[in-house]
């Protein structure tokens, strides 16, 4: 079993209509999810956007700890499914010890499943 840490956040310091490509900690929230060979998802959802006006979902950074993860995002109850060889599917791999940051819509959750 591994761990997925998901941080929902804005990016950079808004100013002069620009955004820097770094995590903005004010307002950021992090959730810890235990992962396995069965899809597991966050209970929290994307609460804010980089505009500070909460009109978009902002960003989610996913950290994989102790396991390779295949992650997806979606509203409601997203389910992660690792694609079979020769097939494709929605989502992205996050190798153990690494992280990925991507844009999310308001209300989206993150789901992950372990793979080897």
N, C-alpha and C. Protein backbone atom coordinates (compact mmCIF):
# COMPACT_ATOMS: atom_id res chain seq x y z
N UNK A 1 0.84 -1.18 0.00
CA UNK A 1 0.00 0.00 0.00
C UNK A 1 0.88 1.24 0.00
N UNK A 2 0.46 2.20 -0.77
CA UNK A 2 1.17 3.46 -0.87
C UNK A 2 0.33 4.60 -0.35
N UNK A 3 0.81 5.79 -0.59
CA UNK A 3 0.11 7.00 -0.16
C UNK A 3 0.09 8.00 -1.31
N UNK A 4 -1.06 8.63 -1.49
CA UNK A 4 -1.19 9.73 -2.44
C UNK A 4 -1.48 10.98 -1.62
N UNK A 5 -0.65 12.00 -1.79
CA UNK A 5 -0.93 13.31 -1.22
C UNK A 5 -1.42 14.20 -2.35
N UNK A 6 -2.57 14.82 -2.16
CA UNK A 6 -3.12 15.74 -3.17
C UNK A 6 -3.22 17.12 -2.55
N UNK A 7 -2.59 18.09 -3.19
CA UNK A 7 -2.69 19.47 -2.75
C UNK A 7 -3.42 20.28 -3.81
N UNK A 8 -4.57 20.82 -3.43
CA UNK A 8 -5.31 21.73 -4.31
C UNK A 8 -4.80 23.13 -4.02
N UNK A 9 -4.45 23.89 -5.05
CA UNK A 9 -3.84 25.19 -4.82
C UNK A 9 -3.99 26.12 -6.01
N UNK A 10 -3.63 27.36 -5.76
CA UNK A 10 -3.48 28.34 -6.81
C UNK A 10 -2.03 28.29 -7.27
N UNK A 11 -1.72 29.04 -8.31
CA UNK A 11 -0.33 29.10 -8.77
C UNK A 11 0.20 30.51 -8.63
N UNK A 12 1.39 30.60 -8.09
CA UNK A 12 2.12 31.85 -8.06
C UNK A 12 1.47 32.98 -7.31
N UNK A 13 2.08 34.11 -7.42
CA UNK A 13 1.60 35.34 -6.81
C UNK A 13 0.87 36.14 -7.87
N UNK A 14 -0.48 36.19 -7.82
CA UNK A 14 -1.18 37.00 -8.81
C UNK A 14 -0.72 38.46 -8.72
N UNK A 15 -0.44 39.04 -9.83
CA UNK A 15 -0.01 40.43 -9.84
C UNK A 15 0.26 40.88 -11.26
N UNK A 16 -0.29 41.97 -11.65
CA UNK A 16 -0.07 42.50 -12.99
C UNK A 16 -0.59 41.57 -14.08
N UNK A 17 -1.59 40.75 -13.73
CA UNK A 17 -2.18 39.86 -14.73
C UNK A 17 -1.32 38.65 -15.05
N UNK A 18 -0.27 38.40 -14.25
CA UNK A 18 0.59 37.25 -14.51
C UNK A 18 0.54 36.27 -13.35
N UNK A 19 0.88 35.02 -13.63
CA UNK A 19 0.95 33.98 -12.61
C UNK A 19 2.26 33.25 -12.76
N UNK A 20 2.95 33.04 -11.67
CA UNK A 20 4.22 32.32 -11.70
C UNK A 20 3.95 30.83 -11.51
N UNK A 21 4.78 29.96 -12.12
CA UNK A 21 4.53 28.52 -12.06
C UNK A 21 5.03 27.86 -10.77
N UNK A 22 4.54 28.34 -9.64
CA UNK A 22 4.88 27.76 -8.35
C UNK A 22 3.61 27.64 -7.52
N UNK A 23 3.64 26.73 -6.54
CA UNK A 23 2.47 26.57 -5.66
C UNK A 23 2.33 27.79 -4.77
N UNK A 24 1.11 28.27 -4.66
CA UNK A 24 0.80 29.39 -3.76
C UNK A 24 0.18 28.77 -2.51
N UNK A 25 0.86 28.90 -1.37
CA UNK A 25 0.40 28.22 -0.16
C UNK A 25 -0.84 28.80 0.49
N UNK A 26 -1.06 30.14 0.49
CA UNK A 26 -2.30 30.62 1.10
C UNK A 26 -3.51 30.01 0.40
N UNK A 27 -4.35 29.36 1.18
CA UNK A 27 -5.55 28.73 0.62
C UNK A 27 -5.34 27.30 0.14
N UNK A 28 -4.10 26.82 0.12
CA UNK A 28 -3.84 25.45 -0.34
C UNK A 28 -4.34 24.45 0.70
N UNK A 29 -4.89 23.33 0.23
CA UNK A 29 -5.32 22.25 1.11
C UNK A 29 -4.71 20.95 0.63
N UNK A 30 -4.29 20.11 1.58
CA UNK A 30 -3.67 18.82 1.24
C UNK A 30 -4.45 17.70 1.89
N UNK A 31 -4.69 16.64 1.13
CA UNK A 31 -5.38 15.46 1.64
C UNK A 31 -4.50 14.23 1.42
N UNK A 32 -4.51 13.33 2.40
CA UNK A 32 -3.74 12.09 2.32
C UNK A 32 -4.70 10.94 2.05
N UNK A 33 -4.38 10.13 1.02
CA UNK A 33 -5.21 8.99 0.64
C UNK A 33 -4.34 7.75 0.59
N UNK A 34 -4.76 6.67 1.25
CA UNK A 34 -4.06 5.39 1.17
C UNK A 34 -4.46 4.71 -0.13
N UNK A 35 -3.46 4.23 -0.87
CA UNK A 35 -3.72 3.64 -2.18
C UNK A 35 -3.46 2.14 -2.17
N UNK A 36 -4.02 1.46 -3.18
CA UNK A 36 -3.83 0.01 -3.33
C UNK A 36 -4.14 -0.34 -4.77
N UNK A 37 -4.40 -1.62 -5.03
CA UNK A 37 -4.76 -2.07 -6.37
C UNK A 37 -6.22 -1.79 -6.71
N UNK A 38 -6.92 -1.14 -5.80
CA UNK A 38 -8.31 -0.72 -6.01
C UNK A 38 -8.34 0.81 -6.03
N UNK A 39 -9.12 1.39 -6.92
CA UNK A 39 -9.19 2.84 -7.03
C UNK A 39 -9.61 3.48 -5.71
N UNK A 40 -8.90 4.54 -5.31
CA UNK A 40 -9.23 5.32 -4.12
C UNK A 40 -9.23 6.78 -4.51
N UNK A 41 -10.10 7.58 -3.91
CA UNK A 41 -10.20 8.99 -4.30
C UNK A 41 -10.24 9.91 -3.09
N UNK A 42 -9.99 11.17 -3.38
CA UNK A 42 -10.06 12.19 -2.33
C UNK A 42 -11.51 12.38 -1.90
N UNK A 43 -11.68 12.84 -0.67
CA UNK A 43 -13.02 13.22 -0.23
C UNK A 43 -13.25 14.70 -0.52
N UNK A 44 -12.15 15.47 -0.47
CA UNK A 44 -12.23 16.89 -0.80
C UNK A 44 -12.15 17.08 -2.31
N UNK A 45 -12.53 18.27 -2.74
CA UNK A 45 -12.53 18.59 -4.17
C UNK A 45 -11.88 19.95 -4.39
N UNK A 46 -11.54 20.21 -5.64
CA UNK A 46 -10.89 21.48 -6.00
C UNK A 46 -11.76 22.66 -5.57
N UNK A 47 -11.26 23.50 -4.65
CA UNK A 47 -12.07 24.58 -4.12
C UNK A 47 -11.85 25.95 -4.71
N UNK A 48 -10.77 26.16 -5.47
CA UNK A 48 -10.43 27.53 -5.85
C UNK A 48 -9.62 27.56 -7.13
N UNK A 49 -9.54 28.73 -7.71
CA UNK A 49 -8.76 28.89 -8.93
C UNK A 49 -7.66 29.92 -8.78
N UNK A 50 -6.75 30.00 -9.77
CA UNK A 50 -5.65 30.93 -9.67
C UNK A 50 -6.07 32.39 -9.73
N UNK A 51 -7.29 32.66 -10.17
CA UNK A 51 -7.76 34.03 -10.24
C UNK A 51 -8.05 34.60 -8.86
N UNK A 52 -8.21 33.71 -7.86
CA UNK A 52 -8.58 34.16 -6.52
C UNK A 52 -10.06 34.45 -6.41
N UNK A 53 -10.79 34.32 -7.52
CA UNK A 53 -12.23 34.61 -7.54
C UNK A 53 -13.06 33.34 -7.42
N UNK A 54 -12.39 32.17 -7.25
CA UNK A 54 -13.06 30.89 -7.12
C UNK A 54 -13.97 30.59 -8.31
N UNK A 55 -13.56 31.06 -9.49
CA UNK A 55 -14.33 30.79 -10.70
C UNK A 55 -13.79 29.61 -11.49
N UNK A 56 -12.67 29.06 -11.05
CA UNK A 56 -12.14 27.85 -11.67
C UNK A 56 -11.51 27.00 -10.59
N UNK A 57 -11.11 25.79 -10.93
CA UNK A 57 -10.61 24.86 -9.92
C UNK A 57 -9.15 25.00 -9.57
N UNK A 58 -8.41 25.80 -10.29
CA UNK A 58 -7.00 25.97 -9.99
C UNK A 58 -6.18 24.76 -10.39
N UNK A 59 -5.33 24.31 -9.47
CA UNK A 59 -4.41 23.23 -9.77
C UNK A 59 -4.45 22.17 -8.68
N UNK A 60 -4.04 20.96 -9.05
CA UNK A 60 -3.85 19.88 -8.09
C UNK A 60 -2.45 19.32 -8.30
N UNK A 61 -1.70 19.18 -7.23
CA UNK A 61 -0.40 18.52 -7.29
C UNK A 61 -0.55 17.20 -6.56
N UNK A 62 -0.20 16.12 -7.26
CA UNK A 62 -0.30 14.77 -6.70
C UNK A 62 1.10 14.24 -6.44
N UNK A 63 1.34 13.80 -5.21
CA UNK A 63 2.61 13.20 -4.81
C UNK A 63 2.39 11.71 -4.59
N UNK A 64 3.22 10.86 -5.18
CA UNK A 64 3.14 9.41 -5.00
C UNK A 64 4.22 8.99 -4.00
N UNK A 65 3.80 8.33 -2.92
CA UNK A 65 4.74 7.91 -1.89
C UNK A 65 4.63 6.39 -1.70
N UNK A 66 5.69 5.68 -2.03
CA UNK A 66 5.73 4.24 -1.80
C UNK A 66 5.05 3.38 -2.83
N UNK A 67 4.55 3.96 -3.90
CA UNK A 67 3.89 3.17 -4.95
C UNK A 67 3.80 4.00 -6.23
N UNK A 68 3.80 3.31 -7.37
CA UNK A 68 3.51 3.96 -8.65
C UNK A 68 2.00 4.10 -8.75
N UNK A 69 1.54 5.29 -9.13
CA UNK A 69 0.11 5.55 -9.19
C UNK A 69 -0.32 5.95 -10.59
N UNK A 70 -1.54 5.55 -10.96
CA UNK A 70 -2.19 6.05 -12.16
C UNK A 70 -3.35 6.89 -11.66
N UNK A 71 -3.37 8.18 -12.01
CA UNK A 71 -4.35 9.11 -11.45
C UNK A 71 -5.27 9.69 -12.52
N UNK A 72 -6.49 9.98 -12.09
CA UNK A 72 -7.49 10.64 -12.94
C UNK A 72 -8.18 11.71 -12.10
N UNK A 73 -8.82 12.65 -12.75
CA UNK A 73 -9.63 13.64 -12.04
C UNK A 73 -11.03 13.64 -12.62
N UNK A 74 -11.98 14.10 -11.82
CA UNK A 74 -13.35 14.18 -12.31
C UNK A 74 -14.28 14.58 -11.19
N UNK A 75 -15.47 15.01 -11.56
CA UNK A 75 -16.48 15.36 -10.56
C UNK A 75 -17.23 14.10 -10.15
N UNK A 76 -17.95 14.19 -9.06
CA UNK A 76 -18.70 13.03 -8.58
C UNK A 76 -17.78 12.00 -7.96
N UNK A 77 -17.74 10.81 -8.55
CA UNK A 77 -16.94 9.72 -8.01
C UNK A 77 -15.99 9.18 -9.08
N UNK A 78 -14.92 9.91 -9.38
CA UNK A 78 -13.98 9.43 -10.40
C UNK A 78 -13.34 8.11 -9.98
N UNK A 79 -13.10 7.25 -10.96
CA UNK A 79 -12.48 5.95 -10.70
C UNK A 79 -11.26 5.79 -11.59
N UNK A 80 -10.13 5.49 -10.97
CA UNK A 80 -8.89 5.29 -11.73
C UNK A 80 -8.82 3.85 -12.22
N UNK A 81 -8.41 3.68 -13.46
CA UNK A 81 -8.24 2.34 -14.05
C UNK A 81 -6.97 2.36 -14.88
N UNK A 82 -5.99 1.55 -14.50
CA UNK A 82 -4.73 1.48 -15.23
C UNK A 82 -4.98 0.80 -16.56
N UNK A 83 -4.60 1.42 -17.69
CA UNK A 83 -4.89 0.83 -19.00
C UNK A 83 -4.11 -0.47 -19.24
N UNK A 84 -4.75 -1.40 -19.91
CA UNK A 84 -4.09 -2.65 -20.29
C UNK A 84 -3.07 -2.36 -21.39
N UNK A 85 -2.13 -3.27 -21.57
CA UNK A 85 -1.12 -3.12 -22.63
C UNK A 85 -1.81 -2.94 -23.98
N UNK A 86 -1.37 -1.95 -24.74
CA UNK A 86 -1.93 -1.67 -26.06
C UNK A 86 -3.20 -0.84 -26.03
N UNK A 87 -3.69 -0.52 -24.83
CA UNK A 87 -4.91 0.28 -24.69
C UNK A 87 -4.54 1.67 -24.17
N UNK A 88 -5.49 2.58 -24.21
CA UNK A 88 -5.27 3.90 -23.64
C UNK A 88 -6.43 4.23 -22.71
N UNK A 89 -6.21 5.21 -21.86
CA UNK A 89 -7.26 5.62 -20.94
C UNK A 89 -6.98 7.00 -20.41
N UNK A 90 -7.99 7.63 -19.84
CA UNK A 90 -7.82 8.95 -19.26
C UNK A 90 -6.94 8.87 -18.03
N UNK A 91 -6.06 9.84 -17.86
CA UNK A 91 -5.25 9.90 -16.67
C UNK A 91 -3.78 10.00 -16.97
N UNK A 92 -2.99 9.89 -15.90
CA UNK A 92 -1.54 10.01 -16.03
C UNK A 92 -0.86 9.19 -14.94
N UNK A 93 0.33 8.70 -15.25
CA UNK A 93 1.13 7.97 -14.28
C UNK A 93 1.91 8.95 -13.41
N UNK A 94 2.05 8.61 -12.14
CA UNK A 94 2.91 9.33 -11.22
C UNK A 94 3.77 8.26 -10.55
N UNK A 95 5.05 8.24 -10.86
CA UNK A 95 5.93 7.22 -10.30
C UNK A 95 6.26 7.52 -8.85
N UNK A 96 6.48 6.47 -8.09
CA UNK A 96 6.79 6.60 -6.67
C UNK A 96 7.94 7.59 -6.45
N UNK A 97 7.73 8.51 -5.53
CA UNK A 97 8.73 9.51 -5.23
C UNK A 97 8.65 10.75 -6.11
N UNK A 98 7.69 10.78 -7.02
CA UNK A 98 7.55 11.92 -7.91
C UNK A 98 6.20 12.61 -7.71
N UNK A 99 6.02 13.73 -8.38
CA UNK A 99 4.75 14.45 -8.32
C UNK A 99 4.40 14.97 -9.70
N UNK A 100 3.13 15.32 -9.87
CA UNK A 100 2.65 15.92 -11.11
C UNK A 100 1.65 17.00 -10.73
N UNK A 101 1.64 18.10 -11.45
CA UNK A 101 0.69 19.18 -11.22
C UNK A 101 -0.14 19.37 -12.47
N UNK A 102 -1.45 19.47 -12.30
CA UNK A 102 -2.32 19.68 -13.45
C UNK A 102 -3.50 20.55 -13.06
N UNK A 103 -4.14 21.12 -14.07
CA UNK A 103 -5.29 21.99 -13.85
C UNK A 103 -6.53 21.14 -13.56
N UNK A 104 -7.39 21.65 -12.69
CA UNK A 104 -8.64 20.97 -12.38
C UNK A 104 -9.79 21.98 -12.42
N UNK A 105 -10.98 21.46 -12.62
CA UNK A 105 -12.18 22.28 -12.60
C UNK A 105 -12.76 22.30 -11.19
N UNK A 106 -13.59 23.29 -10.87
CA UNK A 106 -14.19 23.33 -9.54
C UNK A 106 -14.95 22.03 -9.26
N UNK A 107 -14.77 21.50 -8.06
CA UNK A 107 -15.49 20.31 -7.66
C UNK A 107 -14.85 18.99 -8.08
N UNK A 108 -13.77 19.05 -8.86
CA UNK A 108 -13.13 17.80 -9.26
C UNK A 108 -12.37 17.17 -8.10
N UNK A 109 -12.42 15.84 -8.06
CA UNK A 109 -11.67 15.05 -7.10
C UNK A 109 -10.58 14.30 -7.86
N UNK A 110 -9.64 13.72 -7.13
CA UNK A 110 -8.55 12.95 -7.71
C UNK A 110 -8.68 11.51 -7.26
N UNK A 111 -8.58 10.57 -8.20
CA UNK A 111 -8.60 9.14 -7.87
C UNK A 111 -7.30 8.52 -8.36
N UNK A 112 -6.86 7.47 -7.65
CA UNK A 112 -5.60 6.81 -8.01
C UNK A 112 -5.71 5.31 -7.78
N UNK A 113 -4.91 4.56 -8.57
CA UNK A 113 -4.79 3.12 -8.41
C UNK A 113 -3.32 2.80 -8.57
N UNK A 114 -2.82 1.82 -7.79
CA UNK A 114 -1.43 1.45 -7.89
C UNK A 114 -1.20 0.54 -9.09
N UNK A 115 0.01 0.62 -9.67
CA UNK A 115 0.40 -0.29 -10.73
C UNK A 115 1.87 -0.63 -10.57
N UNK A 116 2.27 -1.74 -11.20
CA UNK A 116 3.68 -2.14 -11.13
C UNK A 116 4.29 -2.13 -12.51
